Protein backbone atom coordinates (compact mmCIF):
# COMPACT_ATOMS: atom_id res chain seq x y z
CA UNK A 1 68.39 101.71 138.81
CA UNK A 2 69.92 98.93 141.57
CA UNK A 3 67.17 97.17 142.11
CA UNK A 4 63.57 97.21 141.49
CA UNK A 5 60.97 99.23 143.81
CA UNK A 6 58.08 97.46 142.04
CA UNK A 7 54.84 96.87 144.67
CA UNK A 8 53.01 93.55 144.35
CA UNK A 9 50.69 92.82 141.71
CA UNK A 10 52.34 94.80 139.43
CA UNK A 11 54.87 92.05 137.68
CA UNK A 12 53.49 89.67 135.57
CA UNK A 13 53.65 86.30 137.26
CA UNK A 14 55.76 84.59 134.80
CA UNK A 15 58.83 87.42 135.26
CA UNK A 16 58.57 87.37 139.27
CA UNK A 17 57.92 83.52 139.61
CA UNK A 18 60.73 82.69 137.34
CA UNK A 19 62.93 85.26 138.94
CA UNK A 20 62.13 83.82 142.33
CA UNK A 21 62.65 79.97 141.11
CA UNK A 22 66.02 80.98 139.39
CA UNK A 23 66.98 82.57 142.90
CA UNK A 24 66.08 79.49 144.94
CA UNK A 25 67.97 77.12 142.79
CA UNK A 26 70.84 79.51 142.75
CA UNK A 27 70.63 79.74 146.60
CA UNK A 28 70.41 75.94 146.71
CA UNK A 29 73.11 74.76 144.87
CA UNK A 30 75.66 77.57 146.23
CA UNK A 31 74.98 76.40 149.80
CA UNK A 32 75.10 72.80 148.84
CA UNK A 33 78.12 73.04 147.15
CA UNK A 34 80.11 75.75 148.95
CA UNK A 35 80.45 73.36 152.18
CA UNK A 36 79.97 75.19 155.58
CA UNK A 37 81.41 78.56 156.24
CA UNK A 38 83.58 79.24 159.28
CA UNK A 39 83.07 81.70 161.95
CA UNK A 40 85.25 84.15 160.30
CA UNK A 41 83.78 83.84 157.13
CA UNK A 42 79.80 84.28 158.48
CA UNK A 43 81.31 87.17 160.21
CA UNK A 44 82.46 88.71 157.17
CA UNK A 45 79.14 87.75 155.40
CA UNK A 46 77.19 89.41 157.99
CA UNK A 47 79.42 92.68 158.61
CA UNK A 48 79.58 93.54 154.49
CA UNK A 49 75.65 92.30 154.13
CA UNK A 50 75.11 95.40 157.22
CA UNK A 51 77.00 97.81 155.59
CA UNK A 52 75.05 96.80 152.16
CA UNK A 53 71.50 97.12 153.87
CA UNK A 54 72.19 100.07 155.60
CA UNK A 55 73.47 101.79 152.30
CA UNK A 56 70.36 100.54 149.85
CA UNK A 57 68.04 101.34 152.56
CA UNK A 58 69.19 105.23 151.94
CA UNK A 59 67.59 106.21 148.49
CA UNK A 60 69.36 109.47 146.42
CA UNK A 61 66.83 110.99 144.35
CA UNK A 62 68.41 111.41 140.73
CA UNK A 63 65.52 113.70 138.72
CA UNK A 64 62.70 111.29 138.76
CA UNK A 65 64.39 108.16 140.29
CA UNK A 66 65.49 107.08 143.63
CA UNK A 67 69.16 105.47 143.40
CA UNK A 68 70.64 103.17 145.90
CA UNK A 69 73.79 102.61 146.69
CA UNK A 70 74.66 98.76 146.77
CA UNK A 71 78.08 97.99 147.62
CA UNK A 72 77.31 94.86 145.58
CA UNK A 73 80.92 94.90 143.69
CA UNK A 74 82.89 95.19 146.51
CA UNK A 75 80.71 92.31 148.52
CA UNK A 76 81.57 90.04 145.49
CA UNK A 77 84.99 90.28 145.40
CA UNK A 78 85.55 90.26 148.82
CA UNK A 79 83.42 87.00 149.85
CA UNK A 80 82.90 85.48 146.13
CA UNK A 81 79.87 84.89 144.26
CA UNK A 82 77.82 82.30 145.87
CA UNK A 83 78.30 83.89 149.20
CA UNK A 84 77.07 87.83 147.73
CA UNK A 85 74.48 85.84 146.19
CA UNK A 86 73.43 84.56 149.85
CA UNK A 87 74.12 88.44 150.98
CA UNK A 88 72.08 89.88 148.42
CA UNK A 89 69.11 87.39 149.35
CA UNK A 90 68.68 88.39 153.01
CA UNK A 91 69.32 92.19 152.37
CA UNK A 92 66.57 92.18 149.43
CA UNK A 93 64.24 90.46 151.64
CA UNK A 94 64.57 92.77 154.63
CA UNK A 95 64.32 95.72 152.31
CA UNK A 96 60.65 94.40 151.12
CA UNK A 97 59.56 94.09 154.92
CA UNK A 98 60.79 97.73 155.05
CA UNK A 99 58.65 98.36 152.27
CA UNK A 100 61.29 98.92 149.49
CA UNK A 101 59.82 96.63 146.48
CA UNK A 102 57.03 94.01 147.01
CA UNK A 103 57.62 90.24 148.00
CA UNK A 104 57.31 89.30 144.57
CA UNK A 105 60.31 91.31 143.30
CA UNK A 106 62.56 89.58 146.13
CA UNK A 107 63.72 87.07 143.36
CA UNK A 108 64.37 89.45 140.74
CA UNK A 109 66.27 91.63 143.12
CA UNK A 110 68.63 88.87 144.69
CA UNK A 111 69.38 87.74 140.82
CA UNK A 112 70.15 91.65 140.09
CA UNK A 113 72.27 92.23 142.48
CA UNK A 114 73.69 88.50 142.95
CA UNK A 115 74.63 88.65 139.18
CA UNK A 116 76.52 91.98 139.14
CA UNK A 117 78.32 90.87 142.48
CA UNK A 118 79.05 87.25 141.35
CA UNK A 119 80.71 89.02 137.83
CA UNK A 120 83.05 91.59 140.35
CA UNK A 121 85.72 88.83 141.36
CA UNK A 122 86.65 87.35 138.18
CA UNK A 123 86.78 91.30 136.97
CA UNK A 124 89.25 92.28 139.80
CA UNK A 125 91.27 89.16 139.56
CA UNK A 126 91.69 89.85 135.85
CA UNK A 127 92.98 93.32 136.53
CA UNK A 128 94.73 93.68 139.88
CA UNK A 129 97.99 92.77 138.38
CA UNK A 130 97.67 95.97 136.21
CA UNK A 131 95.88 98.14 138.46
CA UNK A 132 96.84 97.11 141.77
CA UNK A 133 94.23 96.48 144.29
CA UNK A 134 92.48 99.59 144.62
CA UNK A 135 92.22 100.28 141.03
CA UNK A 136 90.85 96.75 140.31
CA UNK A 137 88.11 97.22 142.91
CA UNK A 138 87.31 100.73 141.42
CA UNK A 139 87.11 98.82 137.80
CA UNK A 140 85.31 95.51 139.24
CA UNK A 141 82.86 97.63 140.95
CA UNK A 142 81.84 99.62 137.43
CA UNK A 143 81.44 96.55 135.57
CA UNK A 144 79.28 95.11 138.69
CA UNK A 145 76.93 98.08 138.60
CA UNK A 146 76.57 98.31 134.66
CA UNK A 147 75.60 94.88 134.53
CA UNK A 148 73.52 94.91 137.09
CA UNK A 149 71.86 97.96 135.94
CA UNK A 150 71.45 96.40 132.54
CA UNK A 151 69.24 93.30 134.26
CA UNK A 152 67.33 96.01 135.69
CA UNK A 153 66.26 97.50 132.55
CA UNK A 154 66.07 94.17 130.76
CA UNK A 155 63.51 92.80 133.58
CA UNK A 156 61.55 95.99 133.12
CA UNK A 157 61.20 95.82 129.46
CA UNK A 158 60.29 91.86 129.24
CA UNK A 159 57.61 92.93 132.15
CA UNK A 160 56.05 95.94 130.12
CA UNK A 161 56.18 93.56 127.14
CA UNK A 162 54.46 90.52 129.09
CA UNK A 163 51.62 93.08 130.76
CA UNK A 164 50.70 96.48 129.28
CA UNK A 165 48.95 97.23 132.56
CA UNK A 166 52.45 97.97 134.20
CA UNK A 167 52.11 101.36 132.16
CA UNK A 168 50.28 102.63 135.43
CA UNK A 169 53.10 102.10 137.80
CA UNK A 170 55.02 105.37 138.48
CA UNK A 171 58.30 103.77 138.36
CA UNK A 172 57.60 101.76 135.17
CA UNK A 173 56.01 104.93 133.71
CA UNK A 174 58.34 107.10 134.14
CA UNK A 175 61.19 104.88 132.64
CA UNK A 176 59.27 104.69 129.82
CA UNK A 177 58.68 108.49 129.64
CA UNK A 178 62.33 109.48 129.83
CA UNK A 179 63.17 106.96 126.98
CA UNK A 180 61.08 108.91 124.50
CA UNK A 181 62.92 111.13 122.39
CA UNK A 182 66.26 110.25 122.99
CA UNK A 183 66.09 111.66 126.54
CA UNK A 184 67.07 108.55 127.85
CA UNK A 185 70.25 108.71 126.35
CA UNK A 186 70.84 112.25 126.96
CA UNK A 187 69.81 112.36 130.38
CA UNK A 188 70.10 109.01 132.06
CA UNK A 189 73.01 107.73 131.06
CA UNK A 190 75.24 110.66 132.28
CA UNK A 191 73.10 109.97 135.62
CA UNK A 192 73.96 106.44 135.31
CA UNK A 193 78.02 107.18 134.33
CA UNK A 194 77.58 109.49 137.91
CA UNK A 195 76.29 106.72 139.99
CA UNK A 196 78.57 104.06 139.00
CA UNK A 197 81.40 106.45 139.55
CA UNK A 198 80.60 107.15 143.00
CA UNK A 199 80.18 103.60 143.58
CA UNK A 200 83.44 102.96 142.06
CA UNK A 201 85.18 105.49 144.07
CA UNK A 202 83.63 103.70 147.23
CA UNK A 203 85.14 100.26 146.15
CA UNK A 204 88.59 102.29 145.27
CA UNK A 205 88.52 103.52 148.83
CA UNK A 206 87.77 100.62 150.51
CA UNK A 207 90.20 98.55 148.51
CA UNK A 208 92.73 100.89 149.43
CA UNK A 209 91.98 100.76 152.90
CA UNK A 210 92.18 97.07 152.92
CA UNK A 211 95.76 96.89 151.27
CA UNK A 212 96.89 98.89 153.83
CA UNK A 213 95.19 97.24 157.34
CA UNK A 214 93.89 93.98 156.30
CA UNK A 215 95.28 92.75 152.56
CA UNK A 216 94.75 89.47 153.71
CA UNK A 217 90.84 89.86 153.02
CA UNK A 218 91.67 90.82 149.38
CA UNK A 219 91.37 87.77 147.08
CA UNK A 220 94.52 86.45 145.46
CA UNK A 221 95.21 85.10 142.07
CA UNK A 222 95.99 81.68 141.72
CA UNK A 223 99.57 80.78 142.72
CA UNK A 224 99.88 83.82 144.42
CA UNK A 225 101.17 83.34 148.41
CA UNK A 226 98.49 84.76 150.46
CA UNK A 227 99.16 87.82 152.68
CA UNK A 228 99.73 87.19 156.49
CA UNK A 229 97.47 89.11 159.01
CA UNK A 230 100.51 90.37 160.83
CA UNK A 231 101.75 91.65 157.54
CA UNK A 232 99.26 94.45 158.10
CA UNK A 233 100.21 95.45 161.42
CA UNK A 234 101.87 99.06 161.79
């Protein structure tokens, strides 16, 4: 439920080509408008991308589905939407090379993960004053995961509508089967809530740790003074 594990030849060309084009456009303008990242920013992106890749490469079976932890919300909070979108593209490309989904879903998976990650930082900045960094990170992670899940369902629904032959794909048929008779609401929503809760708990622990040892890595609200690195040293 975090990204599409659909092989090549299943999705309608209209859907996956549109997803690829939108991803390329976002990556192009994001890179062009973001300037040149320094060595520190590149190192942080690389480290977070590596952690994100490891988590997503290990699917957790939940009934008929495989759920992958993503860390997309915390990554979006820490490095911003543009950089998180770039990380999402690299991670989904590597996962496709590992067999988790075909090459035709790289663009769609980048959109699903990148859009959720881009939403995380604004949520964090709006809630950090009331919830403190750990609570704000948990809230941002929850919103990010829910938004990505909604995009996942919307893309799957659009693909089925455009291509009835998708009913033969195992993952698609399982989704539709669970959706009948109210099972989607009775079973999948609690499971989704559990998955989002685990992701949020992971984000909470990460932000709590960073707030103690490296508060300078956490984003600051406009007008708020930056925390020097020395302040985090014991």
